[in-house]
Amino acid sequence: MTEPIAKKVYYSIGEVCDLTGLKPHVLRYWETQFDVLNPTKNRAGNRVYRAKEIELILLVKHLLYEEKYTIEGANKRLLEMRRSGELDEERQEILEPEILAEMKRELEALRDLLTTDGPRRADEPS
């Protein structure tokens, strides 16, 4: 994640990959498996994603990778969330820690660049 989601109206697939930590082929595959993931295409035929779609991708990633849902199970869970009105709330709950974790990584990388001693180890005090 290089910047908070919502600074731009549309993001390219490459930018979405940077923001989510996923490969393009994974995003394209997920589009075939999840009805909620349906980015529009620009005049050149390239996928363009809005901030809400990126949030959904992060939610799908969370369900699959952290909650260990199968694709079928994650699809059912997303449908349940949509019907009950939980989808927006759940997207935000998943998104906030993702952004904070990425901000921490970026700040640590910046600190490492600015310190003359070089990179710090994770177990080293600040």
Protein backbone atom coordinates (compact mmCIF):
# COMPACT_ATOMS: atom_id res chain seq x y z
CA MET A 1 0.00 0.00 0.00
CA THR A 2 1.70 3.18 -1.10
CA GLU A 3 -1.02 5.68 -0.20
CA PRO A 4 -4.35 5.75 1.59
CA ILE A 5 -7.18 4.61 -0.61
CA ALA A 6 -9.41 7.47 -1.79
CA LYS A 7 -6.84 9.96 -3.09
CA LYS A 8 -7.74 9.14 -6.69
CA VAL A 9 -10.97 8.35 -8.45
CA TYR A 10 -9.54 5.44 -10.47
CA TYR A 11 -6.61 3.12 -9.93
CA SER A 12 -4.88 0.88 -12.47
CA ILE A 13 -4.43 -2.83 -11.82
CA GLY A 14 -0.73 -2.19 -11.09
CA GLU A 15 -1.59 0.40 -8.46
CA VAL A 16 -4.16 -1.95 -6.93
CA CYS A 17 -1.51 -4.68 -6.77
CA ASP A 18 0.81 -2.29 -4.92
CA LEU A 19 -1.97 -1.27 -2.53
CA THR A 20 -3.16 -4.79 -1.77
CA GLY A 21 0.00 -6.86 -2.08
CA LEU A 22 -1.63 -9.13 -4.66
CA LYS A 23 -0.48 -10.15 -8.14
CA PRO A 24 -2.47 -9.10 -11.23
CA HIS A 25 -3.36 -12.70 -12.11
CA VAL A 26 -4.89 -13.14 -8.64
CA LEU A 27 -7.08 -10.06 -9.10
CA ARG A 28 -8.18 -11.21 -12.55
CA TYR A 29 -8.98 -14.69 -11.21
CA TRP A 30 -10.95 -13.27 -8.27
CA GLU A 31 -13.05 -11.24 -10.72
CA THR A 32 -14.23 -14.54 -12.23
CA GLN A 33 -15.03 -15.97 -8.80
CA PHE A 34 -16.59 -13.05 -6.91
CA ASP A 35 -19.57 -11.15 -8.32
CA VAL A 36 -18.81 -8.18 -6.06
CA LEU A 37 -15.47 -7.68 -7.84
CA ASN A 38 -16.28 -6.15 -11.17
CA PRO A 39 -13.97 -3.27 -12.11
CA THR A 40 -14.89 -1.17 -15.10
CA LYS A 41 -12.63 -0.86 -18.11
CA ASN A 42 -11.43 2.37 -19.66
CA ARG A 43 -11.47 3.18 -23.37
CA ALA A 44 -8.19 1.32 -23.83
CA GLY A 45 -9.75 -1.79 -22.27
CA ASN A 46 -7.68 -1.62 -19.08
CA ARG A 47 -9.26 -2.37 -15.72
CA VAL A 48 -9.82 0.65 -13.52
CA TYR A 49 -10.72 0.31 -9.86
CA ARG A 50 -12.47 2.72 -7.52
CA ALA A 51 -11.60 2.99 -3.83
CA LYS A 52 -14.68 0.94 -2.86
CA GLU A 53 -13.57 -1.92 -5.12
CA ILE A 54 -10.11 -1.88 -3.54
CA GLU A 55 -11.74 -2.09 -0.12
CA LEU A 56 -13.72 -5.12 -1.33
CA ILE A 57 -10.53 -6.73 -2.62
CA LEU A 58 -8.96 -6.24 0.82
CA LEU A 59 -12.04 -7.79 2.40
CA VAL A 60 -11.86 -10.80 0.07
CA LYS A 61 -8.13 -11.11 0.82
CA HIS A 62 -8.90 -11.05 4.54
CA LEU A 63 -11.61 -13.71 4.23
CA LEU A 64 -9.41 -16.01 2.14
CA TYR A 65 -5.99 -15.54 3.71
CA GLU A 66 -6.71 -14.73 7.34
CA GLU A 67 -10.14 -16.19 8.03
CA LYS A 68 -9.22 -19.22 5.84
CA TYR A 69 -12.51 -19.29 3.91
CA THR A 70 -12.68 -21.22 0.67
CA ILE A 71 -13.64 -19.19 -2.39
CA GLU A 72 -17.15 -20.62 -2.18
CA GLY A 73 -17.35 -19.87 1.55
CA ALA A 74 -16.03 -16.34 1.09
CA ASN A 75 -18.62 -15.75 -1.67
CA LYS A 76 -21.41 -16.91 0.65
CA ARG A 77 -20.09 -14.72 3.47
CA LEU A 78 -19.97 -11.68 1.18
CA LEU A 79 -23.56 -12.32 0.09
CA GLU A 80 -24.64 -12.64 3.73
CA MET A 81 -22.88 -9.37 4.57
CA ARG A 82 -24.51 -7.64 1.59
CA ARG A 83 -28.01 -8.87 2.56
CA SER A 84 -27.64 -7.88 6.20
CA GLY A 85 -26.07 -4.50 5.41
CA GLU A 86 -22.76 -5.43 7.08
CA LEU A 87 -20.66 -5.13 3.93
CA ASP A 88 -19.71 -1.45 4.27
CA GLU A 89 -19.01 -1.83 7.98
CA GLU A 90 -16.89 -4.96 7.46
CA ARG A 91 -14.90 -3.34 4.65
CA GLN A 92 -13.95 -0.49 6.96
CA GLU A 93 -13.00 -2.82 9.82
CA ILE A 94 -10.64 -4.73 7.53
CA LEU A 95 -9.30 -1.65 5.77
CA GLU A 96 -8.20 0.39 8.80
CA PRO A 97 -5.65 -2.14 10.15
CA GLU A 98 -4.33 -2.70 6.60
CA ILE A 99 -3.67 1.01 6.15
CA LEU A 100 -2.09 1.34 9.60
CA ALA A 101 0.18 -1.67 9.01
CA GLU A 102 1.30 -0.27 5.67
CA MET A 103 1.90 3.17 7.17
CA LYS A 104 4.06 1.54 9.85
CA ARG A 105 6.09 -0.33 7.21
CA GLU A 106 6.58 2.86 5.21
CA LEU A 107 7.60 4.86 8.27
CA GLU A 108 10.09 2.17 9.29
CA ALA A 109 11.54 2.14 5.78
CA LEU A 110 11.82 5.94 5.89
CA ARG A 111 13.49 5.80 9.30
CA ASP A 112 15.95 3.27 7.96
CA LEU A 113 16.76 5.53 5.03
CA LEU A 114 17.32 8.51 7.30
CA THR A 115 19.44 6.78 9.93
CA THR A 116 23.15 6.49 9.25
CA ASP A 117 23.43 3.14 11.01
CA GLY A 118 21.39 1.38 8.32
CA PRO A 119 18.30 -0.78 8.74
CA ARG A 120 17.16 -1.81 12.20
CA ARG A 121 16.22 -5.34 13.10
CA ALA A 122 12.64 -6.02 14.23
CA ASP A 123 13.83 -6.95 17.76
CA GLU A 124 16.05 -3.86 18.11
CA PRO A 125 14.73 -1.01 20.33
CA SER A 126 13.80 2.25 18.58
